[in-house]
C-alpha atoms as a PDB file:
ATOM      1  CA  MET A   1     -40.085  31.226 -14.207  1.00  0.00           C
ATOM      2  CA  ALA A   2     -36.676  31.362 -12.485  1.00  0.00           C
ATOM      3  CA  ALA A   3     -34.518  34.187 -12.829  1.00  0.00           C
ATOM      4  CA  LYS A   4     -31.556  33.175 -14.436  1.00  0.00           C
ATOM      5  CA  THR A   5     -27.966  33.125 -12.630  1.00  0.00           C
ATOM      6  CA  ASP A   6     -24.574  33.799 -13.836  1.00  0.00           C
ATOM      7  CA  ASN A   7     -22.282  31.202 -13.084  1.00  0.00           C
ATOM      8  CA  LYS A   8     -19.226  32.819 -15.063  1.00  0.00           C
ATOM      9  CA  LYS A   9     -16.298  32.421 -12.712  1.00  0.00           C
ATOM     10  CA  THR A  10     -14.476  35.859 -12.364  1.00  0.00           C
ATOM     11  CA  PRO A  11     -10.612  35.515 -13.152  1.00  0.00           C
ATOM     12  CA  ALA A  12      -9.845  35.436  -9.567  1.00  0.00           C
ATOM     13  CA  ASN A  13     -11.942  32.947  -8.545  1.00  0.00           C
ATOM     14  CA  ALA A  14     -10.625  30.729 -11.406  1.00  0.00           C
ATOM     15  CA  ASP A  15      -7.134  31.646 -10.300  1.00  0.00           C
ATOM     16  CA  LYS A  16      -7.685  30.402  -6.819  1.00  0.00           C
ATOM     17  CA  LYS A  17      -8.983  27.022  -7.950  1.00  0.00           C
ATOM     18  CA  LYS A  18      -6.741  26.565 -10.156  1.00  0.00           C
ATOM     19  CA  ALA A  19      -3.775  27.234  -7.403  1.00  0.00           C
ATOM     20  CA  ALA A  20      -5.983  24.620  -4.654  1.00  0.00           C
ATOM     21  CA  LEU A  21      -5.742  22.117  -7.688  1.00  0.00           C
ATOM     22  CA  GLU A  22      -1.804  22.263  -8.689  1.00  0.00           C
ATOM     23  CA  SER A  23      -0.710  20.325  -5.856  1.00  0.00           C
ATOM     24  CA  VAL A  24      -3.539  17.361  -6.104  1.00  0.00           C
ATOM     25  CA  ALA A  25      -3.047  14.182  -8.400  1.00  0.00           C
ATOM     26  CA  PRO A  26      -5.083  14.258 -11.632  1.00  0.00           C
ATOM     27  CA  GLU A  27      -7.074  11.645 -10.671  1.00  0.00           C
ATOM     28  CA  GLN A  28      -8.102  13.346  -7.413  1.00  0.00           C
ATOM     29  CA  LYS A  29      -8.807  16.971  -8.644  1.00  0.00           C
ATOM     30  CA  GLU A  30     -12.540  16.264  -8.510  1.00  0.00           C
ATOM     31  CA  LEU A  31     -12.688  13.839  -5.553  1.00  0.00           C
ATOM     32  CA  THR A  32     -13.240  14.502  -2.011  1.00  0.00           C
ATOM     33  CA  PRO A  33     -11.355  12.029   0.725  1.00  0.00           C
ATOM     34  CA  TYR A  34     -14.402   9.897   1.093  1.00  0.00           C
ATOM     35  CA  GLU A  35     -14.788   9.437  -2.695  1.00  0.00           C
ATOM     36  CA  ILE A  36     -11.047   8.175  -2.624  1.00  0.00           C
ATOM     37  CA  VAL A  37     -11.652   5.914  -0.149  1.00  0.00           C
ATOM     38  CA  CYS A  38     -14.480   4.470  -2.502  1.00  0.00           C
ATOM     39  CA  ARG A  39     -12.120   4.259  -5.207  1.00  0.00           C
ATOM     40  CA  SER A  40      -9.494   2.504  -3.364  1.00  0.00           C
ATOM     41  CA  ARG A  41     -11.953  -0.399  -2.673  1.00  0.00           C
ATOM     42  CA  ASP A  42     -13.264  -0.276  -6.275  1.00  0.00           C
ATOM     43  CA  LYS A  43     -13.926  -3.813  -7.172  1.00  0.00           C
ATOM     44  CA  THR A  44     -12.533  -3.264 -10.664  1.00  0.00           C
ATOM     45  CA  ARG A  45      -9.100  -2.026  -9.483  1.00  0.00           C
ATOM     46  CA  PRO A  46      -5.900  -4.407 -10.410  1.00  0.00           C
ATOM     47  CA  THR A  47      -5.472  -6.511  -7.229  1.00  0.00           C
ATOM     48  CA  ALA A  48      -1.618  -7.648  -6.452  1.00  0.00           C
ATOM     49  CA  VAL A  49      -1.928 -10.611  -8.715  1.00  0.00           C
ATOM     50  CA  LYS A  50      -2.314  -8.318 -11.241  1.00  0.00           C
ATOM     51  CA  TYR A  51       0.361  -6.032  -9.920  1.00  0.00           C
ATOM     52  CA  ILE A  52       3.145  -9.069  -9.960  1.00  0.00           C
ATOM     53  CA  ALA A  53       1.704 -10.449 -13.441  1.00  0.00           C
ATOM     54  CA  GLY A  54       2.371  -7.310 -15.068  1.00  0.00           C
ATOM     55  CA  ILE A  55       5.634  -5.904 -13.220  1.00  0.00           C
ATOM     56  CA  VAL A  56       7.551  -9.619 -12.447  1.00  0.00           C
ATOM     57  CA  ASP A  57       9.115 -11.779 -14.827  1.00  0.00           C
ATOM     58  CA  GLY A  58       9.002 -15.466 -14.229  1.00  0.00           C
ATOM     59  CA  PHE A  59       7.321 -15.474 -10.961  1.00  0.00           C
ATOM     60  CA  ILE A  60       7.534 -18.691  -8.476  1.00  0.00           C
ATOM     61  CA  GLU A  61       5.181 -18.670  -5.815  1.00  0.00           C
ATOM     62  CA  LEU A  62       6.307 -19.970  -2.341  1.00  0.00           C
ATOM     63  CA  HIS A  63       4.150 -21.100   0.416  1.00  0.00           C
ATOM     64  CA  GLY A  64       3.661 -21.812   4.410  1.00  0.00           C
ATOM     65  CA  ASP A  65       5.056 -20.090   7.261  1.00  0.00           C
ATOM     66  CA  ARG A  66       7.382 -23.268   8.207  1.00  0.00           C
ATOM     67  CA  GLY A  67       5.064 -23.002  11.436  1.00  0.00           C
ATOM     68  CA  PHE A  68       1.224 -23.259  10.919  1.00  0.00           C
ATOM     69  CA  ALA A  69      -0.183 -22.915   7.685  1.00  0.00           C
ATOM     70  CA  ASP A  70      -0.028 -20.927   4.129  1.00  0.00           C
ATOM     71  CA  ASP A  71      -2.323 -17.942   4.380  1.00  0.00           C
ATOM     72  CA  ALA A  72      -3.728 -17.106   0.724  1.00  0.00           C
ATOM     73  CA  ALA A  73      -4.108 -13.384   1.471  1.00  0.00           C
ATOM     74  CA  ILE A  74      -0.760 -13.093   1.283  1.00  0.00           C
ATOM     75  CA  ILE A  75       1.123 -14.115  -2.293  1.00  0.00           C
ATOM     76  CA  GLY A  76       5.054 -14.115  -1.768  1.00  0.00           C
ATOM     77  CA  GLY A  77       7.576 -15.870  -3.710  1.00  0.00           C
ATOM     78  CA  ILE A  78      10.804 -14.521  -6.418  1.00  0.00           C
ATOM     79  CA  GLY A  79      11.052 -13.422  -9.864  1.00  0.00           C
ATOM     80  CA  ARG A  80      12.964 -10.969 -11.732  1.00  0.00           C
ATOM     81  CA  ILE A  81      12.283  -6.803 -12.537  1.00  0.00           C
ATOM     82  CA  GLY A  82      14.418  -5.581 -14.848  1.00  0.00           C
ATOM     83  CA  GLY A  83      16.656  -8.824 -15.004  1.00  0.00           C
ATOM     84  CA  MET A  84      17.313  -8.474 -11.188  1.00  0.00           C
ATOM     85  CA  PRO A  85      16.217 -11.265  -9.045  1.00  0.00           C
ATOM     86  CA  VAL A  86      13.621  -9.918  -6.534  1.00  0.00           C
ATOM     87  CA  THR A  87      11.589 -11.166  -3.838  1.00  0.00           C
ATOM     88  CA  VAL A  88       7.906  -9.938  -4.054  1.00  0.00           C
ATOM     89  CA  ILE A  89       5.503 -10.276  -1.282  1.00  0.00           C
ATOM     90  CA  GLY A  90       1.497  -8.936  -1.459  1.00  0.00           C
ATOM     91  CA  ILE A  91      -1.888  -8.635  -0.025  1.00  0.00           C
ATOM     92  CA  GLU A  92      -4.514  -9.920  -2.225  1.00  0.00           C
ATOM     93  CA  LYS A  93      -7.977  -9.203  -1.893  1.00  0.00           C
ATOM     94  CA  GLY A  94      -9.561 -11.617  -4.664  1.00  0.00           C
ATOM     95  CA  VAL A  95     -11.235 -10.711  -7.934  1.00  0.00           C
ATOM     96  CA  ASP A  96     -14.782 -12.490  -7.845  1.00  0.00           C
ATOM     97  CA  THR A  97     -16.611 -13.637  -4.727  1.00  0.00           C
ATOM     98  CA  ALA A  98     -15.104 -17.168  -4.734  1.00  0.00           C
ATOM     99  CA  ASP A  99     -11.730 -15.529  -5.139  1.00  0.00           C
ATOM    100  CA  LYS A 100     -12.214 -13.167  -2.159  1.00  0.00           C
ATOM    101  CA  ILE A 101     -13.648 -15.728   0.314  1.00  0.00           C
ATOM    102  CA  LYS A 102     -10.045 -17.537  -0.722  1.00  0.00           C
ATOM    103  CA  HIS A 103      -7.912 -14.768   0.218  1.00  0.00           C
ATOM    104  CA  ASN A 104     -10.183 -13.364   2.830  1.00  0.00           C
ATOM    105  CA  PHE A 105     -10.705 -10.098   1.234  1.00  0.00           C
ATOM    106  CA  GLY A 106      -7.063  -9.301   1.720  1.00  0.00           C
ATOM    107  CA  GLY A 107      -6.984  -9.611   5.590  1.00  0.00           C
ATOM    108  CA  ALA A 108      -3.959 -11.376   6.519  1.00  0.00           C
ATOM    109  CA  SER A 109      -3.693 -14.114   9.551  1.00  0.00           C
ATOM    110  CA  PRO A 110      -0.359 -13.950  11.793  1.00  0.00           C
ATOM    111  CA  GLU A 111       0.738 -17.141   9.526  1.00  0.00           C
ATOM    112  CA  GLY A 112       0.557 -14.735   6.723  1.00  0.00           C
ATOM    113  CA  TYR A 113       2.967 -11.741   8.222  1.00  0.00           C
ATOM    114  CA  ARG A 114       5.148 -14.946   9.812  1.00  0.00           C
ATOM    115  CA  LYS A 115       5.472 -16.019   5.728  1.00  0.00           C
ATOM    116  CA  ALA A 116       6.058 -12.740   4.903  1.00  0.00           C
ATOM    117  CA  LEU A 117       8.876 -12.478   7.253  1.00  0.00           C
ATOM    118  CA  ARG A 118      10.211 -15.649   6.299  1.00  0.00           C
ATOM    119  CA  LEU A 119      10.663 -14.674   2.921  1.00  0.00           C
ATOM    120  CA  MET A 120      11.875 -11.334   3.679  1.00  0.00           C
ATOM    121  CA  LYS A 121      14.759 -13.009   5.380  1.00  0.00           C
ATOM    122  CA  GLN A 122      15.457 -15.370   2.797  1.00  0.00           C
ATOM    123  CA  ALA A 123      15.905 -12.293   0.287  1.00  0.00           C
ATOM    124  CA  GLU A 124      18.481 -10.848   2.821  1.00  0.00           C
ATOM    125  CA  LYS A 125      20.346 -14.447   2.982  1.00  0.00           C
ATOM    126  CA  PHE A 126      20.502 -14.458  -1.019  1.00  0.00           C
ATOM    127  CA  ASN A 127      20.917 -10.426  -1.412  1.00  0.00           C
ATOM    128  CA  ARG A 128      17.493 -10.006  -3.263  1.00  0.00           C
ATOM    129  CA  PRO A 129      15.804  -6.566  -2.790  1.00  0.00           C
ATOM    130  CA  VAL A 130      12.349  -7.011  -1.726  1.00  0.00           C
ATOM    131  CA  LEU A 131       8.947  -5.406  -3.301  1.00  0.00           C
ATOM    132  CA  ASN A 132       5.974  -5.370  -0.747  1.00  0.00           C
ATOM    133  CA  ILE A 133       2.348  -4.643  -2.638  1.00  0.00           C
ATOM    134  CA  VAL A 134       0.190  -3.628  -0.108  1.00  0.00           C
ATOM    135  CA  ASP A 135      -3.742  -3.546  -0.387  1.00  0.00           C
ATOM    136  CA  THR A 136      -5.844  -4.259   2.961  1.00  0.00           C
ATOM    137  CA  SER A 137      -8.556  -2.919   5.059  1.00  0.00           C
ATOM    138  CA  GLY A 138      -6.787  -4.680   7.847  1.00  0.00           C
ATOM    139  CA  ALA A 139      -5.239  -7.548   9.142  1.00  0.00           C
ATOM    140  CA  ALA A 140      -7.466 -10.753   9.838  1.00  0.00           C
ATOM    141  CA  CYS A 141     -10.119 -10.358  12.347  1.00  0.00           C
ATOM    142  CA  GLY A 142     -11.493 -12.885  14.994  1.00  0.00           C
ATOM    143  CA  ILE A 143     -10.789 -15.379  17.935  1.00  0.00           C
ATOM    144  CA  GLY A 144      -8.456 -17.637  15.587  1.00  0.00           C
ATOM    145  CA  ALA A 145      -5.938 -14.826  14.573  1.00  0.00           C
ATOM    146  CA  GLU A 146      -5.809 -13.282  18.249  1.00  0.00           C
ATOM    147  CA  GLU A 147      -4.995 -16.965  19.515  1.00  0.00           C
ATOM    148  CA  ARG A 148      -2.430 -17.420  16.848  1.00  0.00           C
ATOM    149  CA  GLY A 149      -0.831 -13.758  17.922  1.00  0.00           C
ATOM    150  CA  GLU A 150      -1.999 -11.710  15.384  1.00  0.00           C
ATOM    151  CA  ALA A 151      -0.306  -8.396  17.236  1.00  0.00           C
ATOM    152  CA  GLU A 152       2.792 -10.168  17.953  1.00  0.00           C
ATOM    153  CA  ALA A 153       3.547 -11.316  14.146  1.00  0.00           C
ATOM    154  CA  ILE A 154       3.222  -7.782  13.275  1.00  0.00           C
ATOM    155  CA  ALA A 155       5.176  -6.242  15.880  1.00  0.00           C
ATOM    156  CA  VAL A 156       7.969  -8.891  14.937  1.00  0.00           C
ATOM    157  CA  ASN A 157       7.902  -7.651  10.950  1.00  0.00           C
ATOM    158  CA  LEU A 158       8.068  -4.227  12.032  1.00  0.00           C
ATOM    159  CA  MET A 159      11.148  -4.808  13.857  1.00  0.00           C
ATOM    160  CA  LYS A 160      12.742  -7.421  11.686  1.00  0.00           C
ATOM    161  CA  MET A 161      11.969  -5.251   8.677  1.00  0.00           C
ATOM    162  CA  ALA A 162      13.519  -2.150  10.017  1.00  0.00           C
ATOM    163  CA  GLY A 163      17.065  -3.869  10.307  1.00  0.00           C
ATOM    164  CA  LEU A 164      16.448  -6.068   6.874  1.00  0.00           C
ATOM    165  CA  LYS A 165      19.948  -5.844   5.178  1.00  0.00           C
ATOM    166  CA  VAL A 166      18.365  -5.224   1.429  1.00  0.00           C
ATOM    167  CA  PRO A 167      16.771  -2.737  -0.247  1.00  0.00           C
ATOM    168  CA  VAL A 168      13.130  -2.604   0.482  1.00  0.00           C
ATOM    169  CA  LEU A 169      10.072  -0.947  -1.347  1.00  0.00           C
ATOM    170  CA  SER A 170       6.649  -0.917  -0.371  1.00  0.00           C
ATOM    171  CA  LEU A 171       4.004  -0.205  -2.777  1.00  0.00           C
ATOM    172  CA  PHE A 172       0.140   0.790  -1.887  1.00  0.00           C
ATOM    173  CA  ILE A 173      -1.999  -0.324  -4.722  1.00  0.00           C
ATOM    174  CA  GLY A 174      -5.774   0.044  -3.235  1.00  0.00           C
ATOM    175  CA  GLU A 175      -6.433   0.470   0.681  1.00  0.00           C
ATOM    176  CA  GLY A 176      -3.793   0.856   3.126  1.00  0.00           C
ATOM    177  CA  GLY A 177      -5.717   0.269   6.636  1.00  0.00           C
ATOM    178  CA  SER A 178      -3.824   0.143  10.258  1.00  0.00           C
ATOM    179  CA  GLY A 179      -1.145  -2.627  11.509  1.00  0.00           C
ATOM    180  CA  GLY A 180      -2.359  -5.168   8.286  1.00  0.00           C
ATOM    181  CA  ALA A 181      -0.641  -2.581   5.959  1.00  0.00           C
ATOM    182  CA  LEU A 182       2.385  -1.298   8.259  1.00  0.00           C
ATOM    183  CA  GLY A 183       3.358  -5.007   8.529  1.00  0.00           C
ATOM    184  CA  LEU A 184       4.526  -4.594   5.102  1.00  0.00           C
ATOM    185  CA  ALA A 185       5.602  -1.254   4.985  1.00  0.00           C
ATOM    186  CA  VAL A 186       8.562  -0.821   6.912  1.00  0.00           C
ATOM    187  CA  ALA A 187      10.601   0.024   3.796  1.00  0.00           C
ATOM    188  CA  ASP A 188      13.648   2.543   2.319  1.00  0.00           C
ATOM    189  CA  GLU A 189      10.530   3.838   0.551  1.00  0.00           C
ATOM    190  CA  VAL A 190       6.761   3.896   0.487  1.00  0.00           C
ATOM    191  CA  TRP A 191       5.267   4.766  -3.051  1.00  0.00           C
ATOM    192  CA  ILE A 192       1.191   4.998  -3.702  1.00  0.00           C
ATOM    193  CA  THR A 193      -1.153   5.090  -6.420  1.00  0.00           C
ATOM    194  CA  GLU A 194      -2.981   8.312  -6.656  1.00  0.00           C
ATOM    195  CA  THR A 195      -6.483   6.980  -5.579  1.00  0.00           C
ATOM    196  CA  SER A 196      -5.220   4.648  -2.792  1.00  0.00           C
ATOM    197  CA  THR A 197      -5.167   5.316   0.826  1.00  0.00           C
ATOM    198  CA  TYR A 198      -3.102   4.554   3.962  1.00  0.00           C
ATOM    199  CA  SER A 199      -4.572   5.192   7.231  1.00  0.00           C
ATOM    200  CA  VAL A 200      -4.099   4.350  11.095  1.00  0.00           C
ATOM    201  CA  ILE A 201      -8.075   3.043  10.850  1.00  0.00           C
ATOM    202  CA  SER A 202     -11.078   3.094   8.353  1.00  0.00           C
ATOM    203  CA  PRO A 203     -12.958   5.874   7.980  1.00  0.00           C
ATOM    204  CA  GLU A 204     -16.081   3.988   9.363  1.00  0.00           C
ATOM    205  CA  GLY A 205     -14.235   2.693  12.421  1.00  0.00           C
ATOM    206  CA  CYS A 206     -12.853   6.311  12.966  1.00  0.00           C
ATOM    207  CA  ALA A 207     -16.422   7.759  12.723  1.00  0.00           C
ATOM    208  CA  SER A 208     -17.710   5.572  15.310  1.00  0.00           C
ATOM    209  CA  ILE A 209     -14.560   5.910  18.105  1.00  0.00           C
ATOM    210  CA  LEU A 210     -14.091   9.611  17.626  1.00  0.00           C
ATOM    211  CA  TYR A 211     -17.532  10.875  17.005  1.00  0.00           C
ATOM    212  CA  LYS A 212     -19.692   8.274  18.275  1.00  0.00           C
ATOM    213  CA  ASP A 213     -21.659   8.637  15.000  1.00  0.00           C
ATOM    214  CA  SER A 214     -21.181   6.169  11.872  1.00  0.00           C
ATOM    215  CA  SER A 215     -22.588   8.397   9.697  1.00  0.00           C
ATOM    216  CA  LYS A 216     -19.875  11.204   9.813  1.00  0.00           C
ATOM    217  CA  VAL A 217     -17.752   8.919   7.720  1.00  0.00           C
ATOM    218  CA  ARG A 218     -17.119  11.486   5.292  1.00  0.00           C
ATOM    219  CA  GLU A 219     -15.873  14.195   7.927  1.00  0.00           C
ATOM    220  CA  ALA A 220     -13.933  11.026   9.323  1.00  0.00           C
ATOM    221  CA  ALA A 221     -12.059  10.568   5.950  1.00  0.00           C
ATOM    222  CA  GLU A 222     -11.382  14.474   6.113  1.00  0.00           C
ATOM    223  CA  ALA A 223      -9.729  14.168   9.070  1.00  0.00           C
ATOM    224  CA  LEU A 224      -7.754  11.387   8.924  1.00  0.00           C
ATOM    225  CA  LYS A 225      -5.952  12.959   5.684  1.00  0.00           C
ATOM    226  CA  LEU A 226      -5.239   9.474   4.352  1.00  0.00           C
ATOM    227  CA  THR A 227      -5.084  10.592   0.606  1.00  0.00           C
ATOM    228  CA  ALA A 228      -1.874  10.423  -1.664  1.00  0.00           C
ATOM    229  CA  PRO A 229      -1.620  14.097  -1.665  1.00  0.00           C
ATOM    230  CA  GLU A 230      -2.053  14.809   2.083  1.00  0.00           C
ATOM    231  CA  LEU A 231       0.624  11.446   3.161  1.00  0.00           C
ATOM    232  CA  LEU A 232       3.138  12.993   0.608  1.00  0.00           C
ATOM    233  CA  LYS A 233       2.909  16.058   2.207  1.00  0.00           C
ATOM    234  CA  LYS A 234       3.683  14.812   5.464  1.00  0.00           C
ATOM    235  CA  LYS A 235       6.446  12.567   3.688  1.00  0.00           C
ATOM    236  CA  ALA A 236       4.483   9.403   4.900  1.00  0.00           C
ATOM    237  CA  VAL A 237       5.449   8.583   1.318  1.00  0.00           C
ATOM    238  CA  GLU A 238       7.796   9.299  -1.193  1.00  0.00           C
ATOM    239  CA  ARG A 239       6.021   9.228  -4.410  1.00  0.00           C
ATOM    240  CA  VAL A 240       2.424   9.143  -6.117  1.00  0.00           C
ATOM    241  CA  ILE A 241       2.254   7.011  -8.843  1.00  0.00           C
ATOM    242  CA  GLU A 242      -0.100   8.645 -11.472  1.00  0.00           C
ATOM    243  CA  GLU A 243      -2.944   5.454 -12.272  1.00  0.00           C
ATOM    244  CA  LYS A 244      -4.298   6.140 -15.757  1.00  0.00           C
ATOM    245  CA  ASP A 245      -5.631   3.067 -16.969  1.00  0.00           C
ATOM    246  CA  PHE A 246      -3.830   0.611 -15.627  1.00  0.00           C
ATOM    247  CA  SER A 247      -2.905  -0.544 -19.395  1.00  0.00           C
ATOM    248  CA  ASP A 248       0.262  -2.487 -20.002  1.00  0.00           C
ATOM    249  CA  GLY A 249       1.983   0.707 -20.209  1.00  0.00           C
ATOM    250  CA  TYR A 250       1.202   1.521 -17.085  1.00  0.00           C
ATOM    251  CA  PHE A 251       2.731  -1.692 -15.694  1.00  0.00           C
ATOM    252  CA  ALA A 252       5.894  -1.157 -18.151  1.00  0.00           C
ATOM    253  CA  ALA A 253       6.582   2.253 -16.440  1.00  0.00           C
ATOM    254  CA  LEU A 254       6.179   1.211 -13.187  1.00  0.00           C
ATOM    255  CA  LYS A 255       8.213  -1.991 -13.542  1.00  0.00           C
ATOM    256  CA  SER A 256      11.024   0.260 -15.057  1.00  0.00           C
ATOM    257  CA  ASP A 257      10.979   2.622 -11.954  1.00  0.00           C
ATOM    258  CA  ILE A 258      11.059  -0.174  -9.346  1.00  0.00           C
ATOM    259  CA  ALA A 259      14.044  -1.546 -11.349  1.00  0.00           C
ATOM    260  CA  GLU A 260      16.011   1.637 -10.986  1.00  0.00           C
ATOM    261  CA  PHE A 261      15.140   2.263  -7.582  1.00  0.00           C
ATOM    262  CA  PHE A 262      16.415  -1.178  -6.549  1.00  0.00           C
ATOM    263  CA  LYS A 263      19.593  -0.623  -8.741  1.00  0.00           C
ATOM    264  CA  LYS A 264      19.860   2.722  -6.903  1.00  0.00           C
ATOM    265  CA  LYS A 265      19.680   1.213  -3.352  1.00  0.00           C
ATOM    266  CA  ALA A 266      22.156  -1.739  -3.932  1.00  0.00           C
ATOM    267  CA  ALA A 267      24.845   0.486  -4.172  1.00  0.00           C
ATOM    268  CA  VAL A 268      24.232   2.083  -0.745  1.00  0.00           C
ATOM    269  CA  PRO A 269      26.425   0.395   1.917  1.00  0.00           C
ATOM    270  CA  VAL A 270      24.375  -1.781   4.040  1.00  0.00           C
ATOM    271  CA  GLU A 271      24.958   0.217   7.013  1.00  0.00           C
ATOM    272  CA  GLN A 272      23.998   3.375   5.609  1.00  0.00           C
ATOM    273  CA  LEU A 273      20.773   1.428   4.006  1.00  0.00           C
ATOM    274  CA  VAL A 274      19.478   0.348   7.380  1.00  0.00           C
ATOM    275  CA  ALA A 275      20.617   3.704   9.148  1.00  0.00           C
ATOM    276  CA  GLU A 276      18.613   5.567   6.839  1.00  0.00           C
ATOM    277  CA  ARG A 277      15.530   3.466   7.001  1.00  0.00           C
ATOM    278  CA  TYR A 278      15.365   3.749  10.850  1.00  0.00           C
ATOM    279  CA  LYS A 279      15.707   7.343  10.535  1.00  0.00           C
ATOM    280  CA  ARG A 280      12.831   7.567   8.113  1.00  0.00           C
ATOM    281  CA  PHE A 281      10.407   5.941  10.733  1.00  0.00           C
ATOM    282  CA  ARG A 282      11.894   7.680  13.791  1.00  0.00           C
ATOM    283  CA  ALA A 283      10.988  11.365  11.963  1.00  0.00           C
ATOM    284  CA  PHE A 284       7.255  10.189  12.947  1.00  0.00           C
END
């Protein structure tokens, strides 16, 4: 018979564990970075369309980049948040298989980023704040996307968003992968839900390149510091949103917070708004 072991924690160990968890969001307390990556990809998570329905009143979708096509991976349009007219742009992954294929699994094409920029410039013209909702493993892959200038489209977005003369908030609700995410993330503030991620590359890609071993995905996830608490610590994001159960109450509270943020930023002079956004990103 195996000897019994005493699993009782000493007061010192219990205090040490408590201290280690104090800076971690509730949903993440028992999750490793790779487990958080898996959670960010969970097919049951609400996508951008669900967030728009829960946050935006009277949403009207607008289509096309006025140059090539309409990219279904980018959902954009106008509506109201807290009675305030806003422009909302979201990267949509899709829900079931057919929907995911339609939206290219959230991989936005060059025309998607150009559509987003068109809507942001329209928002600037009519003095509407911009809410970007980000959930993507990365921009579209393929020869067609490269031929149509994927990198250039993202780069132009970065440059133009830096000088946009209206408040901009980017909200990460799942995966935030590489330039595909950054193309909608040059904002006055970046908020992230507690089991979302934001990184320069996927853990799988990092493991293959850095360790030359794709099986080391867990080590890569740890090294990338892609979790919400790590991002908050490095000031890559300003706020971590507790996810709770994605209920109506969750969306109502988030809607109220976003409305309050836009009201606060609307009072900031344009020159100061743009200068502070520029300063935020120069810090990196």
